[in-house]
PDB file of N, CA and C in Angstrom:
ATOM      1  N   MET A   1     -25.853 -35.533 -26.296  1.00  0.00           N
ATOM      2  CA  MET A   1     -24.951 -35.172 -25.875  1.00  0.00           C
ATOM      3  C   MET A   1     -25.555 -33.663 -25.055  1.00  0.00           C
ATOM      4  N   LEU A   2     -25.303 -32.701 -25.934  1.00  0.00           N
ATOM      5  CA  LEU A   2     -25.730 -31.330 -25.635  1.00  0.00           C
ATOM      6  C   LEU A   2     -26.985 -30.883 -25.211  1.00  0.00           C
ATOM      7  N   ASP A   3     -28.100 -32.036 -25.482  1.00  0.00           N
ATOM      8  CA  ASP A   3     -29.053 -31.693 -24.440  1.00  0.00           C
ATOM      9  C   ASP A   3     -28.915 -32.744 -22.975  1.00  0.00           C
ATOM     10  N   HIS A   4     -28.303 -33.249 -22.990  1.00  0.00           N
ATOM     11  CA  HIS A   4     -28.027 -33.753 -21.732  1.00  0.00           C
ATOM     12  C   HIS A   4     -26.928 -32.738 -20.653  1.00  0.00           C
ATOM     13  N   LEU A   5     -26.775 -31.970 -21.328  1.00  0.00           N
ATOM     14  CA  LEU A   5     -25.775 -31.001 -20.556  1.00  0.00           C
ATOM     15  C   LEU A   5     -26.060 -30.132 -20.393  1.00  0.00           C
ATOM     16  N   ILE A   6     -27.495 -29.578 -21.523  1.00  0.00           N
ATOM     17  CA  ILE A   6     -28.066 -28.324 -20.769  1.00  0.00           C
ATOM     18  C   ILE A   6     -29.225 -28.856 -19.573  1.00  0.00           C
ATOM     19  N   ASP A   7     -30.088 -29.908 -19.620  1.00  0.00           N
ATOM     20  CA  ASP A   7     -30.555 -30.578 -18.796  1.00  0.00           C
ATOM     21  C   ASP A   7     -29.816 -30.483 -17.170  1.00  0.00           C
ATOM     22  N   GLU A   8     -28.652 -30.604 -17.271  1.00  0.00           N
ATOM     23  CA  GLU A   8     -27.661 -30.856 -16.121  1.00  0.00           C
ATOM     24  C   GLU A   8     -28.038 -29.478 -15.332  1.00  0.00           C
ATOM     25  N   TYR A   9     -27.539 -28.482 -16.542  1.00  0.00           N
ATOM     26  CA  TYR A   9     -26.932 -27.093 -16.200  1.00  0.00           C
ATOM     27  C   TYR A   9     -28.698 -26.549 -15.771  1.00  0.00           C
ATOM     28  N   CYS A  10     -29.833 -26.807 -16.292  1.00  0.00           N
ATOM     29  CA  CYS A  10     -30.773 -26.302 -16.114  1.00  0.00           C
ATOM     30  C   CYS A  10     -31.140 -26.890 -14.286  1.00  0.00           C
ATOM     31  N   ASP A  11     -30.789 -28.225 -14.061  1.00  0.00           N
ATOM     32  CA  ASP A  11     -31.468 -28.918 -13.080  1.00  0.00           C
ATOM     33  C   ASP A  11     -30.697 -28.458 -11.687  1.00  0.00           C
ATOM     34  N   GLN A  12     -29.379 -27.892 -12.271  1.00  0.00           N
ATOM     35  CA  GLN A  12     -28.282 -27.238 -10.917  1.00  0.00           C
ATOM     36  C   GLN A  12     -28.833 -25.568 -10.679  1.00  0.00           C
ATOM     37  N   MET A  13     -29.182 -25.416 -11.782  1.00  0.00           N
ATOM     38  CA  MET A  13     -30.121 -24.090 -11.687  1.00  0.00           C
ATOM     39  C   MET A  13     -30.945 -24.293 -10.382  1.00  0.00           C
ATOM     40  N   ALA A  14     -32.120 -25.292 -10.867  1.00  0.00           N
ATOM     41  CA  ALA A  14     -33.160 -25.439  -9.944  1.00  0.00           C
ATOM     42  C   ALA A  14     -32.683 -25.416  -8.622  1.00  0.00           C
ATOM     43  N   ALA A  15     -31.727 -26.600  -8.699  1.00  0.00           N
ATOM     44  CA  ALA A  15     -31.033 -26.610  -7.137  1.00  0.00           C
ATOM     45  C   ALA A  15     -30.884 -25.437  -6.774  1.00  0.00           C
ATOM     46  N   LYS A  16     -29.809 -24.654  -7.247  1.00  0.00           N
ATOM     47  CA  LYS A  16     -29.309 -23.148  -6.857  1.00  0.00           C
ATOM     48  C   LYS A  16     -30.577 -22.439  -6.382  1.00  0.00           C
ATOM     49  N   GLN A  17     -31.501 -22.424  -6.979  1.00  0.00           N
ATOM     50  CA  GLN A  17     -32.555 -21.451  -7.093  1.00  0.00           C
ATOM     51  C   GLN A  17     -33.357 -21.807  -5.425  1.00  0.00           C
ATOM     52  N   GLU A  18     -33.644 -23.168  -5.263  1.00  0.00           N
ATOM     53  CA  GLU A  18     -33.806 -24.084  -3.854  1.00  0.00           C
ATOM     54  C   GLU A  18     -33.273 -23.565  -3.048  1.00  0.00           C
ATOM     55  N   GLU A  19     -31.850 -23.767  -3.262  1.00  0.00           N
ATOM     56  CA  GLU A  19     -30.989 -22.899  -2.025  1.00  0.00           C
ATOM     57  C   GLU A  19     -31.252 -21.684  -1.538  1.00  0.00           C
ATOM     58  N   ILE A  20     -31.594 -20.804  -2.696  1.00  0.00           N
ATOM     59  CA  ILE A  20     -31.601 -19.548  -2.572  1.00  0.00           C
ATOM     60  C   ILE A  20     -32.794 -19.272  -1.716  1.00  0.00           C
ATOM     61  N   GLU A  21     -34.045 -19.718  -2.004  1.00  0.00           N
ATOM     62  CA  GLU A  21     -35.206 -19.605  -1.087  1.00  0.00           C
ATOM     63  C   GLU A  21     -35.154 -20.424   0.060  1.00  0.00           C
ATOM     64  N   HIS A  22     -34.508 -21.314   0.729  1.00  0.00           N
ATOM     65  CA  HIS A  22     -34.474 -21.840   1.744  1.00  0.00           C
ATOM     66  C   HIS A  22     -33.508 -20.678   2.559  1.00  0.00           C
ATOM     67  N   LEU A  23     -32.616 -20.008   1.871  1.00  0.00           N
ATOM     68  CA  LEU A  23     -31.229 -19.519   2.948  1.00  0.00           C
ATOM     69  C   LEU A  23     -32.470 -17.941   3.081  1.00  0.00           C
ATOM     70  N   GLN A  24     -33.044 -17.749   2.117  1.00  0.00           N
ATOM     71  CA  GLN A  24     -33.876 -16.495   2.530  1.00  0.00           C
ATOM     72  C   GLN A  24     -34.915 -16.483   3.437  1.00  0.00           C
ATOM     73  N   ASN A  25     -35.420 -17.554   3.266  1.00  0.00           N
ATOM     74  CA  ASN A  25     -36.788 -17.864   4.312  1.00  0.00           C
ATOM     75  C   ASN A  25     -35.995 -17.843   5.967  1.00  0.00           C
ATOM     76  N   GLU A  26     -34.850 -18.754   6.129  1.00  0.00           N
ATOM     77  CA  GLU A  26     -34.055 -18.926   6.899  1.00  0.00           C
ATOM     78  C   GLU A  26     -33.310 -16.960   7.526  1.00  0.00           C
ATOM     79  N   ILE A  27     -33.242 -16.507   6.581  1.00  0.00           N
ATOM     80  CA  ILE A  27     -32.592 -14.747   6.900  1.00  0.00           C
ATOM     81  C   ILE A  27     -34.033 -14.269   7.838  1.00  0.00           C
ATOM     82  N   LYS A  28     -35.328 -14.686   7.113  1.00  0.00           N
ATOM     83  CA  LYS A  28     -36.123 -13.681   7.605  1.00  0.00           C
ATOM     84  C   LYS A  28     -36.430 -14.422   9.288  1.00  0.00           C
ATOM     85  N   ARG A  29     -36.600 -15.501   9.231  1.00  0.00           N
ATOM     86  CA  ARG A  29     -36.555 -16.268  10.610  1.00  0.00           C
ATOM     87  C   ARG A  29     -35.762 -15.881  11.518  1.00  0.00           C
ATOM     88  N   ILE A  30     -34.588 -15.594  10.793  1.00  0.00           N
ATOM     89  CA  ILE A  30     -33.221 -15.217  12.101  1.00  0.00           C
ATOM     90  C   ILE A  30     -33.875 -13.853  12.589  1.00  0.00           C
ATOM     91  N   GLN A  31     -33.983 -12.895  11.393  1.00  0.00           N
ATOM     92  CA  GLN A  31     -34.644 -11.402  11.516  1.00  0.00           C
ATOM     93  C   GLN A  31     -35.718 -11.423  12.774  1.00  0.00           C
ATOM     94  N   SER A  32     -36.496 -12.067  12.298  1.00  0.00           N
ATOM     95  CA  SER A  32     -37.856 -12.304  13.410  1.00  0.00           C
ATOM     96  C   SER A  32     -37.377 -12.507  14.685  1.00  0.00           C
ATOM     97  N   ARG A  33     -36.360 -13.084  14.779  1.00  0.00           N
ATOM     98  CA  ARG A  33     -35.718 -13.830  16.036  1.00  0.00           C
ATOM     99  C   ARG A  33     -35.102 -12.549  16.610  1.00  0.00           C
ATOM    100  N   VAL A  34     -34.158 -11.613  15.758  1.00  0.00           N
ATOM    101  CA  VAL A  34     -33.470 -10.555  16.425  1.00  0.00           C
ATOM    102  C   VAL A  34     -34.476  -9.699  16.783  1.00  0.00           C
ATOM    103  N   GLN A  35     -35.254  -9.310  15.889  1.00  0.00           N
ATOM    104  CA  GLN A  35     -36.401  -7.996  16.360  1.00  0.00           C
ATOM    105  C   GLN A  35     -36.918  -8.443  18.284  1.00  0.00           C
ATOM    106  N   GLU A  36     -37.593  -9.738  17.946  1.00  0.00           N
ATOM    107  CA  GLU A  36     -37.838 -10.303  19.573  1.00  0.00           C
ATOM    108  C   GLU A  36     -37.384 -10.077  20.562  1.00  0.00           C
ATOM    109  N   PHE A  37     -35.754 -10.307  20.146  1.00  0.00           N
ATOM    110  CA  PHE A  37     -34.755  -9.810  21.566  1.00  0.00           C
ATOM    111  C   PHE A  37     -34.482  -8.760  21.781  1.00  0.00           C
ATOM    112  N   LYS A  38     -34.539  -7.809  20.627  1.00  0.00           N
ATOM    113  CA  LYS A  38     -34.608  -6.506  20.866  1.00  0.00           C
ATOM    114  C   LYS A  38     -35.861  -5.907  21.637  1.00  0.00           C
ATOM    115  N   ALA A  39     -36.768  -6.569  21.303  1.00  0.00           N
ATOM    116  CA  ALA A  39     -37.606  -6.027  21.920  1.00  0.00           C
ATOM    117  C   ALA A  39     -37.902  -6.334  23.438  1.00  0.00           C
ATOM    118  N   LEU A  40     -37.513  -7.452  23.723  1.00  0.00           N
ATOM    119  CA  LEU A  40     -37.702  -8.405  24.848  1.00  0.00           C
ATOM    120  C   LEU A  40     -36.414  -7.360  25.381  1.00  0.00           C
ATOM    121  N   ARG A  41     -35.181  -6.907  24.977  1.00  0.00           N
ATOM    122  CA  ARG A  41     -34.586  -6.291  26.026  1.00  0.00           C
ATOM    123  C   ARG A  41     -34.727  -4.937  26.412  1.00  0.00           C
ATOM    124  N   GLU A  42     -35.772  -4.461  25.453  1.00  0.00           N
ATOM    125  CA  GLU A  42     -36.241  -2.970  25.808  1.00  0.00           C
ATOM    126  C   GLU A  42     -37.343  -3.009  27.008  1.00  0.00           C
ATOM    127  N   ASP A  43     -37.848  -4.219  26.626  1.00  0.00           N
ATOM    128  CA  ASP A  43     -38.719  -4.724  27.839  1.00  0.00           C
ATOM    129  C   ASP A  43     -38.214  -4.885  29.216  1.00  0.00           C
ATOM    130  N   LEU A  44     -37.310  -5.457  29.658  1.00  0.00           N
ATOM    131  CA  LEU A  44     -36.743  -5.637  30.259  1.00  0.00           C
ATOM    132  C   LEU A  44     -36.026  -4.382  31.042  1.00  0.00           C
ATOM    133  N   LYS A  45     -35.587  -3.435  30.101  1.00  0.00           N
ATOM    134  CA  LYS A  45     -34.715  -2.309  30.388  1.00  0.00           C
ATOM    135  C   LYS A  45     -35.640  -1.290  30.852  1.00  0.00           C
ATOM    136  N   ARG A  46     -36.679  -1.493  30.403  1.00  0.00           N
ATOM    137  CA  ARG A  46     -38.336  -0.302  30.720  1.00  0.00           C
ATOM    138  C   ARG A  46     -38.228  -0.967  32.424  1.00  0.00           C
ATOM    139  N   GLN A  47     -38.366  -2.332  32.527  1.00  0.00           N
ATOM    140  CA  GLN A  47     -38.630  -2.822  34.257  1.00  0.00           C
ATOM    141  C   GLN A  47     -37.692  -2.664  35.052  1.00  0.00           C
ATOM    142  N   SER A  48     -36.529  -2.868  34.169  1.00  0.00           N
ATOM    143  CA  SER A  48     -35.399  -2.084  35.421  1.00  0.00           C
ATOM    144  C   SER A  48     -35.465  -1.264  35.987  1.00  0.00           C
ATOM    145  N   GLU A  49     -35.664  -0.099  34.646  1.00  0.00           N
ATOM    146  CA  GLU A  49     -35.677   1.125  35.195  1.00  0.00           C
ATOM    147  C   GLU A  49     -36.564   1.523  36.501  1.00  0.00           C
ATOM    148  N   GLU A  50     -38.050   1.178  35.973  1.00  0.00           N
ATOM    149  CA  GLU A  50     -39.124   1.287  36.721  1.00  0.00           C
ATOM    150  C   GLU A  50     -38.646   1.175  38.498  1.00  0.00           C
ATOM    151  N   GLU A  51     -38.110   0.101  38.355  1.00  0.00           N
ATOM    152  CA  GLU A  51     -37.776  -0.422  39.704  1.00  0.00           C
ATOM    153  C   GLU A  51     -36.887   0.417  40.574  1.00  0.00           C
TER     154      GLU A  51
END
């Protein structure tokens, strides 16, 4: 009985760790997109100032 509970909690921890890793990867992708958009904004701003 106790071994079964321990196994369940270990499985839950592993699942939560996978969720954390997935979210961390998603955050990195979003941060990258934000940086791309900021760079694009600066490029567009420079182009409009040159005109």
